[in-house]
Protein backbone atom coordinates (compact mmCIF):
# COMPACT_ATOMS: atom_id res chain seq x y z
CA MET A 1 -33.09 19.65 -4.66
CA THR A 2 -29.77 17.76 -4.17
CA LYS A 3 -28.66 14.80 -6.16
CA ASP A 4 -27.41 11.68 -4.51
CA VAL A 5 -23.69 10.92 -5.10
CA GLU A 6 -23.19 7.94 -7.41
CA VAL A 7 -20.18 5.80 -6.57
CA TYR A 8 -18.48 4.18 -9.55
CA LEU A 9 -15.41 2.84 -7.73
CA ASP A 10 -14.34 2.63 -4.07
CA VAL A 11 -11.13 0.74 -3.63
CA LYS A 12 -8.78 0.63 -0.57
CA LEU A 13 -5.24 -0.72 -1.26
CA ARG A 14 -2.95 -1.93 1.46
CA PRO A 15 0.39 -3.78 1.16
CA HIS A 16 0.03 -7.48 1.84
CA ARG A 17 1.61 -8.63 5.19
CA SER A 18 1.45 -12.34 5.95
CA LEU A 19 2.50 -11.81 9.51
CA SER A 20 -0.12 -10.52 11.87
CA PRO A 21 0.86 -8.45 14.98
CA ARG A 22 0.38 -11.59 17.16
CA GLY A 23 2.44 -13.62 14.72
CA PHE A 24 5.15 -10.87 14.96
CA ARG A 25 5.20 -11.22 18.75
CA ASN A 26 5.36 -14.95 18.63
CA LEU A 27 8.11 -15.12 16.00
CA LEU A 28 10.21 -12.63 17.98
CA LEU A 29 9.67 -14.68 21.21
CA PHE A 30 10.75 -17.82 19.38
CA ILE A 31 13.86 -16.15 17.99
CA ALA A 32 14.69 -14.79 21.45
CA ILE A 33 14.49 -18.16 23.02
CA ILE A 34 16.64 -19.84 20.39
CA LEU A 35 19.22 -17.11 20.54
CA PHE A 36 19.24 -17.31 24.32
CA PHE A 37 19.85 -21.17 24.38
CA ILE A 38 22.56 -20.83 21.67
CA SER A 39 24.40 -18.02 23.25
CA PHE A 40 24.02 -19.61 26.74
CA ALA A 41 25.72 -22.83 25.42
CA PHE A 42 28.61 -20.66 24.03
CA PHE A 43 28.80 -18.94 27.43
CA LEU A 44 29.20 -22.24 29.17
CA ILE A 45 32.14 -23.23 27.03
CA GLY A 46 33.85 -19.90 27.59
CA ALA A 47 32.80 -17.92 24.53
CA TRP A 48 30.95 -15.23 26.51
CA PRO A 49 31.16 -12.52 23.84
CA ILE A 50 28.63 -14.52 21.80
CA LEU A 51 26.00 -13.16 24.27
CA GLY A 52 26.40 -9.66 23.06
CA PHE A 53 26.36 -10.60 19.52
CA ALA A 54 23.18 -12.57 19.95
CA GLY A 55 21.66 -9.54 21.67
CA LEU A 56 22.71 -7.39 18.73
CA ASP A 57 21.22 -9.95 16.32
CA PHE A 58 17.90 -9.79 18.15
CA ILE A 59 17.84 -6.00 18.20
CA LEU A 60 18.51 -5.83 14.41
CA LEU A 61 15.89 -8.50 13.58
CA TYR A 62 13.39 -6.67 15.79
CA TYR A 63 14.09 -3.36 14.09
CA ALA A 64 13.77 -4.97 10.55
CA PHE A 65 10.52 -6.71 11.38
CA LYS A 66 9.20 -3.52 12.97
CA VAL A 67 9.94 -1.39 9.88
CA ASN A 68 8.26 -4.10 7.78
CA MET A 69 5.14 -3.99 10.04
CA ASN A 70 4.93 -0.25 9.97
CA GLU A 71 4.85 -0.38 6.16
CA ALA A 72 1.57 -2.30 6.50
CA ARG A 73 -0.04 0.96 7.67
CA ARG A 74 0.27 2.43 4.17
CA LEU A 75 -3.16 2.96 2.48
CA GLU A 76 -4.34 4.15 -0.88
CA HIS A 77 -8.04 4.91 -1.14
CA ILE A 78 -9.23 5.44 -4.69
CA ARG A 79 -12.85 6.68 -4.98
CA LEU A 80 -14.59 7.65 -8.22
CA THR A 81 -17.95 9.38 -7.62
CA SER A 82 -20.22 11.65 -9.71
CA HIS A 83 -18.16 14.47 -8.12
CA GLY A 84 -14.83 13.23 -9.56
CA LEU A 85 -11.90 10.91 -8.68
CA GLU A 86 -10.27 11.27 -5.28
CA ILE A 87 -7.11 9.52 -4.23
CA ARG A 88 -6.34 9.58 -0.49
CA ARG A 89 -2.93 8.30 0.54
CA VAL A 90 -1.90 7.60 4.09
CA SER A 91 1.81 7.07 4.77
CA PRO A 92 3.18 4.58 7.34
CA LYS A 93 3.61 7.61 9.75
CA GLY A 94 -0.08 8.42 9.42
CA GLU A 95 0.40 11.57 7.20
CA GLU A 96 -2.55 11.92 4.74
CA LYS A 97 -2.52 13.40 1.28
CA VAL A 98 -5.65 13.92 -0.91
CA THR A 99 -5.50 14.41 -4.73
CA SER A 100 -8.54 15.17 -6.79
CA ILE A 101 -8.67 14.46 -10.60
CA GLU A 102 -11.18 15.35 -13.20
CA PRO A 103 -11.88 11.83 -14.71
CA ASN A 104 -13.17 12.95 -18.09
CA TRP A 105 -9.69 13.34 -19.50
CA LEU A 106 -8.13 10.51 -17.46
CA GLN A 107 -5.77 7.95 -19.11
CA VAL A 108 -5.20 4.70 -17.16
CA ALA A 109 -2.34 2.35 -17.67
CA ALA A 110 -0.51 -0.52 -15.81
CA ILE A 111 3.07 0.02 -16.36
CA LYS A 112 6.53 -1.23 -15.26
CA ARG A 113 8.63 1.70 -14.03
CA ARG A 114 12.30 1.62 -14.78
CA GLY A 115 14.17 0.26 -11.72
CA LYS A 116 11.00 0.12 -9.68
CA SER A 117 8.07 -2.12 -9.30
CA SER A 118 4.84 -2.15 -11.34
CA ALA A 119 2.21 0.60 -10.77
CA VAL A 120 -0.86 2.07 -12.23
CA ARG A 121 -0.33 5.43 -13.93
CA LEU A 122 -3.29 7.85 -13.83
CA ARG A 123 -2.61 10.70 -16.33
CA SER A 124 -4.76 13.90 -16.55
CA HIS A 125 -3.85 17.30 -17.76
CA GLY A 126 -0.17 16.36 -18.18
CA LYS A 127 0.21 15.14 -14.67
CA ASP A 128 1.05 11.63 -13.63
CA ILE A 129 -0.13 9.96 -10.44
CA PHE A 130 1.11 6.50 -9.65
CA VAL A 131 -0.92 4.25 -7.44
CA GLY A 132 -0.68 0.61 -6.38
CA SER A 133 3.16 0.50 -6.64
CA PHE A 134 3.11 -2.25 -3.84
CA LEU A 135 1.00 -4.54 -5.94
CA GLY A 136 2.42 -7.19 -8.30
CA PRO A 137 2.14 -6.97 -12.03
CA LYS A 138 -1.11 -8.95 -12.08
CA GLY A 139 -2.62 -6.81 -9.27
CA CYS A 140 -1.69 -3.63 -11.15
CA LYS A 141 -3.22 -4.90 -14.37
CA LYS A 142 -6.49 -5.78 -12.58
CA LEU A 143 -6.53 -2.35 -10.73
CA ALA A 144 -5.94 -0.54 -14.02
CA GLU A 145 -8.84 -2.55 -15.63
CA ASP A 146 -11.20 -1.80 -12.70
CA ILE A 147 -10.39 1.92 -12.80
CA GLN A 148 -10.80 2.13 -16.63
CA GLN A 149 -14.13 0.40 -16.39
CA ALA A 150 -15.38 2.66 -13.58
CA VAL A 151 -14.08 5.76 -15.64
CA ASP A 152 -15.97 4.45 -18.72
CA GLU A 153 -19.20 4.09 -16.57
CA TYR A 154 -18.66 7.55 -15.22
CA ARG A 155 -18.33 8.94 -18.68
CA VAL A 156 -21.46 7.19 -19.94
CA GLY A 157 -23.49 7.53 -16.75
CA GLY A 158 -24.64 11.02 -17.30
CA ALA A 159 -21.54 12.92 -16.13
CA LEU A 160 -21.05 14.38 -19.61
CA THR A 161 -24.66 15.31 -20.31
CA TRP A 162 -25.47 18.99 -20.59
CA THR A 163 -28.48 20.46 -18.81
CA SER A 164 -30.04 23.88 -19.45
CA ALA A 165 -31.92 25.81 -16.91
């Protein structure tokens, strides 16, 4: 007889991006039109090198926005079930890494790392795993509270009970 898997926490974290792909296209189109008219005006008065610089500006802006949009592909999936805690990370390139942790000895803390942003530290058996580094301080605190509450429910919910055959 198999026991159903009980889910205590299932959270998917993604970095916030206020610009949608459609907004990205529209913004770049708007910038291209503005740069074209400005550089064309300079071309008419004899400052033709401005055309090249405007083109370079556009290429650099496109690259910067593209890098920013690619970061939106980042994903952290934190799932605590009766089988344990699993953290699945997907990088902007699509590379996936899965880490499993035994939640009975898990310590959870929202921290501010030196020189870096806030994060949630998950510590078990002397190993630290940081999640939610793209969240703000309030988001990290809320995530840490949610994880701690789920771990507490896991510990009380029968995961520590012993059975004899």
